[in-house]
Amino acid sequence: MKRNRRPLAVAILLGLVVWAGCAAADEPVPTMNIELVGTRWHDPRAFTEGLEIRGDVLYEGTGLSGASTVRSSNFATGAELASADLPAPFFGEGLTVTGDTLWQLTWQDHTAFARDPHTLAEVRRVPYEGEGWGLCTRAGRLVMSDGTDKLTFRDPVTFEPTGSVRLTTHHNVRLNELDCAEDGSVYANAWPTDTILRIDPDTGRVLATIDASALLSPVDRIGAEALNGIAQIPGTDRFLLARKNWPIIFEVRFLPA
């Protein structure tokens, strides 16, 4: 995930070494194919950390110390509805909307921002232990990743932890941005790869792996930042996938292999 703009090639190499090491010991996991449905414009200045659609509103959180933001836009038209900056030196991370609150994580600042989902104005700040990476809402509770192979559950009002689950396979994977899908599963970017994991958050079982690397041509992949940002389009079988500082967002389907 994380970044301070260190050379991505080094991070990818390390990630692949870890991935290969854990994959050899893991039980077989089904794969899913990815189908490109279309693309949408995306601000190439946005260092995407979180993506979520609620109703007709698309929320995006971005990172980097001193340049982190949260913004909302009309999903159909792309027109911006509201935006807010995180004060330096906060490094913004994943976000989610639950009830009348938008929660936004920070990376190593141990602080969650509670915001009004309409104006994005800050309402309060809540401290937490560890790092913040991804966040989504499922069955009345928050699901959070911290860059490990563990998911932590949190109360949607107080942000207090209420439990956790570790993946039963893919140990040492670095779970990043999360999406709580309508079917009850959680989709997670595995940083710094283009792999997406479909997870049963009740058991920690990895239900499927998805390789999204084909969305970029070999030429486009040179120097491209990590895949980050995943959001189901409500009421459909389609998802949006974002990449940091990339001029388009991909609209895709995940299909059985």
Protein backbone atom coordinates (compact mmCIF):
# COMPACT_ATOMS: atom_id res chain seq x y z
CA MET A 1 0.00 0.00 0.00
CA LYS A 2 2.20 2.36 1.32
CA ARG A 3 4.22 4.15 -0.23
CA ASN A 4 6.16 7.30 0.27
CA ARG A 5 6.75 6.75 -3.45
CA ARG A 6 9.55 4.24 -2.98
CA PRO A 7 10.35 2.40 -6.23
CA LEU A 8 7.34 0.23 -6.98
CA ALA A 9 9.47 -2.34 -8.78
CA VAL A 10 11.21 -3.23 -5.50
CA ALA A 11 7.89 -3.53 -3.69
CA ILE A 12 6.42 -5.71 -6.42
CA LEU A 13 9.45 -8.02 -6.35
CA LEU A 14 9.19 -8.40 -2.58
CA GLY A 15 5.46 -8.95 -2.85
CA LEU A 16 5.88 -11.67 -5.45
CA VAL A 17 8.50 -13.43 -3.36
CA VAL A 18 6.17 -13.45 -0.35
CA TRP A 19 3.25 -14.48 -2.54
CA ALA A 20 5.16 -17.38 -4.06
CA GLY A 21 6.33 -18.52 -0.64
CA CYS A 22 2.88 -18.60 0.89
CA ALA A 23 1.17 -19.99 -2.21
CA ALA A 24 3.31 -23.11 -2.10
CA ALA A 25 2.02 -23.93 1.36
CA ASP A 26 -1.60 -22.88 0.82
CA GLU A 27 -4.43 -25.19 -0.07
CA PRO A 28 -5.74 -24.80 -3.64
CA VAL A 29 -8.06 -21.83 -4.08
CA PRO A 30 -10.39 -21.35 -7.08
CA THR A 31 -9.67 -18.59 -9.56
CA MET A 32 -12.09 -16.16 -11.18
CA ASN A 33 -11.78 -14.41 -14.52
CA ILE A 34 -12.15 -10.68 -15.02
CA GLU A 35 -14.26 -9.18 -17.80
CA LEU A 36 -13.76 -5.56 -18.81
CA VAL A 37 -17.16 -3.91 -19.28
CA GLY A 38 -16.05 -0.31 -19.78
CA THR A 39 -13.96 2.56 -18.46
CA ARG A 40 -14.59 5.91 -16.79
CA TRP A 41 -12.46 9.03 -16.49
CA HIS A 42 -10.37 9.27 -13.33
CA ASP A 43 -8.35 12.16 -11.98
CA PRO A 44 -4.71 11.17 -12.64
CA ARG A 45 -3.65 13.29 -9.66
CA ALA A 46 -5.66 11.08 -7.28
CA PHE A 47 -3.46 8.72 -5.25
CA THR A 48 -6.44 6.42 -4.66
CA GLU A 49 -6.72 4.69 -1.31
CA GLY A 50 -10.46 4.09 -0.92
CA LEU A 51 -13.44 3.79 -3.25
CA GLU A 52 -17.12 3.27 -2.43
CA ILE A 53 -20.52 3.81 -4.04
CA ARG A 54 -23.58 4.56 -1.91
CA GLY A 55 -26.78 5.17 -3.83
CA ASP A 56 -25.90 7.57 -6.62
CA VAL A 57 -22.76 8.91 -4.90
CA LEU A 58 -19.18 7.79 -5.54
CA TYR A 59 -16.75 8.42 -2.68
CA GLU A 60 -12.97 8.42 -3.13
CA GLY A 61 -10.24 8.88 -0.56
CA THR A 62 -6.66 9.66 -1.56
CA GLY A 63 -3.33 9.45 0.20
CA LEU A 64 0.12 11.02 0.55
CA SER A 65 1.11 13.18 3.48
CA GLY A 66 0.05 16.77 2.97
CA ALA A 67 -1.98 15.91 -0.16
CA SER A 68 -4.68 13.55 1.15
CA THR A 69 -8.31 14.25 0.30
CA VAL A 70 -11.80 12.82 0.37
CA ARG A 71 -14.28 13.68 -2.36
CA SER A 72 -17.77 12.74 -3.47
CA SER A 73 -19.28 12.89 -6.95
CA ASN A 74 -22.47 11.98 -8.77
CA PHE A 75 -21.95 8.43 -9.96
CA ALA A 76 -23.89 8.92 -13.19
CA THR A 77 -22.50 12.28 -14.29
CA GLY A 78 -19.15 12.52 -12.50
CA ALA A 79 -20.02 16.00 -11.19
CA GLU A 80 -18.24 16.76 -7.93
CA LEU A 81 -20.55 17.15 -4.95
CA ALA A 82 -18.12 17.88 -2.10
CA SER A 83 -14.45 17.60 -1.18
CA ALA A 84 -12.25 17.99 1.88
CA ASP A 85 -8.54 17.96 2.59
CA LEU A 86 -6.89 16.06 5.43
CA PRO A 87 -4.61 18.34 7.43
CA ALA A 88 -0.91 17.60 7.12
CA PRO A 89 0.76 15.34 7.99
CA PHE A 90 -2.17 12.86 7.89
CA PHE A 91 -1.92 10.21 5.16
CA GLY A 92 -5.43 9.23 4.06
CA GLU A 93 -6.45 5.62 3.52
CA GLY A 94 -9.62 3.57 3.03
CA LEU A 95 -13.13 4.85 3.68
CA THR A 96 -16.71 3.67 4.04
CA VAL A 97 -20.18 5.06 4.71
CA THR A 98 -22.30 3.59 7.48
CA GLY A 99 -25.54 5.19 8.60
CA ASP A 100 -24.98 8.93 8.79
CA THR A 101 -21.18 8.70 9.06
CA LEU A 102 -18.35 8.45 6.57
CA TRP A 103 -15.29 6.90 8.22
CA GLN A 104 -11.86 7.59 6.74
CA LEU A 105 -8.69 5.83 7.88
CA THR A 106 -5.16 7.15 8.05
CA TRP A 107 -2.11 5.03 7.37
CA GLN A 108 0.31 5.38 10.31
CA ASP A 109 -1.38 8.24 12.15
CA HIS A 110 -3.58 5.94 14.28
CA THR A 111 -6.58 8.20 13.66
CA ALA A 112 -9.97 7.65 12.03
CA PHE A 113 -11.93 10.66 10.81
CA ALA A 114 -15.73 10.60 11.16
CA ARG A 115 -17.32 12.84 8.52
CA ASP A 116 -20.72 14.01 7.41
CA PRO A 117 -21.33 11.95 4.23
CA HIS A 118 -23.08 14.87 2.51
CA THR A 119 -20.71 17.76 3.21
CA LEU A 120 -17.62 15.65 4.11
CA ALA A 121 -17.05 18.00 7.03
CA GLU A 122 -15.10 16.51 9.91
CA VAL A 123 -17.31 15.57 12.88
CA ARG A 124 -14.78 13.94 15.19
CA ARG A 125 -11.57 11.90 15.34
CA VAL A 126 -11.09 8.52 16.98
CA PRO A 127 -7.73 6.92 17.84
CA TYR A 128 -6.94 3.29 17.01
CA GLU A 129 -3.93 1.01 17.30
CA GLY A 130 -1.89 -0.17 14.34
CA GLU A 131 -1.98 0.88 10.70
CA GLY A 132 -5.06 1.70 8.63
CA TRP A 133 -5.34 0.38 5.06
CA GLY A 134 -8.83 -0.61 3.83
CA LEU A 135 -12.35 -0.22 5.19
CA CYS A 136 -15.87 -1.33 4.25
CA THR A 137 -19.27 -1.95 5.88
CA ARG A 138 -20.92 -5.36 6.20
CA ALA A 139 -23.91 -6.54 8.25
CA GLY A 140 -23.90 -3.60 10.63
CA ARG A 141 -20.19 -3.54 11.39
CA LEU A 142 -17.03 -2.17 9.86
CA VAL A 143 -14.40 -4.43 8.30
CA MET A 144 -10.84 -3.06 8.35
CA SER A 145 -7.47 -4.18 6.98
CA ASP A 146 -4.10 -3.16 8.39
CA GLY A 147 -1.65 -4.43 5.78
CA THR A 148 -1.55 -7.97 7.18
CA ASP A 149 -3.52 -11.17 6.48
CA LYS A 150 -6.07 -10.20 9.16
CA LEU A 151 -9.44 -8.45 9.03
CA THR A 152 -10.59 -6.49 12.09
CA PHE A 153 -14.25 -5.80 12.84
CA ARG A 154 -15.26 -2.49 14.40
CA ASP A 155 -18.36 -0.88 15.83
CA PRO A 156 -19.80 1.55 13.25
CA VAL A 157 -20.55 4.21 15.90
CA THR A 158 -17.64 4.06 18.34
CA PHE A 159 -15.02 2.52 16.01
CA GLU A 160 -14.02 0.18 18.83
CA PRO A 161 -12.75 -3.27 17.71
CA THR A 162 -15.27 -6.08 18.16
CA GLY A 163 -13.31 -9.04 16.79
CA SER A 164 -10.99 -10.21 14.03
CA VAL A 165 -10.33 -13.08 11.64
CA ARG A 166 -7.14 -14.24 9.97
CA LEU A 167 -7.08 -15.71 6.50
CA THR A 168 -6.95 -19.49 6.54
CA THR A 169 -4.64 -19.41 3.49
CA HIS A 170 -2.45 -16.78 1.83
CA HIS A 171 -0.71 -16.05 5.10
CA ASN A 172 1.53 -12.98 5.01
CA VAL A 173 -0.48 -11.42 2.17
CA ARG A 174 -0.91 -7.65 2.66
CA LEU A 175 -4.63 -6.90 2.48
CA ASN A 176 -5.26 -3.38 1.26
CA GLU A 177 -8.44 -1.66 0.00
CA LEU A 178 -11.64 -3.59 0.78
CA ASP A 179 -15.13 -3.82 -0.67
CA CYS A 180 -17.98 -5.46 1.24
CA ALA A 181 -19.99 -6.94 -1.62
CA GLU A 182 -23.74 -7.44 -1.65
CA ASP A 183 -23.33 -11.24 -1.53
CA GLY A 184 -21.65 -10.99 1.90
CA SER A 185 -18.09 -11.59 0.72
CA VAL A 186 -15.23 -9.12 0.97
CA TYR A 187 -13.04 -8.29 -2.03
CA ALA A 188 -9.53 -7.14 -1.15
CA ASN A 189 -6.62 -5.76 -3.13
CA ALA A 190 -3.42 -7.63 -2.27
CA TRP A 191 -0.70 -4.99 -2.20
CA PRO A 192 1.49 -4.51 -4.18
CA THR A 193 0.19 -6.99 -6.76
CA ASP A 194 -2.71 -6.88 -9.22
CA THR A 195 -4.32 -9.80 -7.40
CA ILE A 196 -7.75 -9.44 -5.79
CA LEU A 197 -8.90 -11.90 -3.14
CA ARG A 198 -12.56 -12.80 -2.56
CA ILE A 199 -12.87 -13.59 1.16
CA ASP A 200 -15.50 -15.06 3.48
CA PRO A 201 -15.15 -12.63 6.41
CA ASP A 202 -16.94 -14.98 8.81
CA THR A 203 -14.32 -17.71 8.48
CA GLY A 204 -11.29 -16.07 6.86
CA ARG A 205 -11.46 -18.51 3.96
CA VAL A 206 -10.24 -17.21 0.60
CA LEU A 207 -13.04 -18.11 -1.81
CA ALA A 208 -11.24 -17.10 -5.00
CA THR A 209 -8.32 -15.19 -6.46
CA ILE A 210 -8.62 -12.78 -9.39
CA ASP A 211 -5.74 -11.62 -11.59
CA ALA A 212 -6.41 -8.07 -12.80
CA SER A 213 -3.04 -7.57 -14.50
CA ALA A 214 -4.50 -7.92 -18.00
CA LEU A 215 -6.36 -4.62 -17.60
CA LEU A 216 -3.12 -2.86 -18.51
CA SER A 217 -0.98 -3.47 -21.57
CA PRO A 218 2.69 -4.35 -21.00
CA VAL A 219 3.63 -0.81 -22.07
CA ASP A 220 1.10 0.83 -19.76
CA ARG A 221 2.30 -1.26 -16.84
CA ILE A 222 5.75 0.35 -16.95
CA GLY A 223 5.82 2.81 -14.07
CA ALA A 224 2.15 2.33 -13.19
CA GLU A 225 1.25 2.66 -9.51
CA ALA A 226 -0.40 -0.14 -7.56
CA LEU A 227 -3.98 -1.24 -8.13
CA ASN A 228 -6.07 0.17 -5.27
CA GLY A 229 -9.74 0.97 -4.98
CA ILE A 230 -12.60 -1.47 -5.50
CA ALA A 231 -16.34 -0.78 -5.26
CA GLN A 232 -19.39 -2.76 -6.31
CA ILE A 233 -21.96 -0.84 -8.35
CA PRO A 234 -25.11 -1.23 -6.23
CA GLY A 235 -27.69 -3.68 -7.52
CA THR A 236 -25.41 -5.06 -10.24
CA ASP A 237 -22.72 -7.70 -10.71
CA ARG A 238 -20.21 -5.05 -11.78
CA PHE A 239 -17.35 -3.45 -9.87
CA LEU A 240 -15.15 -0.40 -10.29
CA LEU A 241 -11.40 -0.86 -10.00
CA ALA A 242 -9.09 2.12 -9.57
CA ARG A 243 -5.34 2.52 -9.78
CA LYS A 244 -3.35 5.26 -8.13
CA ASN A 245 -2.63 8.26 -10.37
CA TRP A 246 -4.28 6.58 -13.34
CA PRO A 247 -6.52 8.45 -15.83
CA ILE A 248 -9.27 5.81 -16.02
CA ILE A 249 -11.32 3.61 -13.71
CA PHE A 250 -12.17 0.12 -14.94
CA GLU A 251 -15.70 -1.26 -14.81
CA VAL A 252 -15.49 -5.06 -14.61
CA ARG A 253 -17.28 -8.29 -13.83
CA PHE A 254 -15.78 -11.21 -11.92
CA LEU A 255 -16.73 -14.50 -13.57
CA PRO A 256 -16.20 -18.16 -12.66
CA ALA A 257 -13.10 -19.58 -14.34
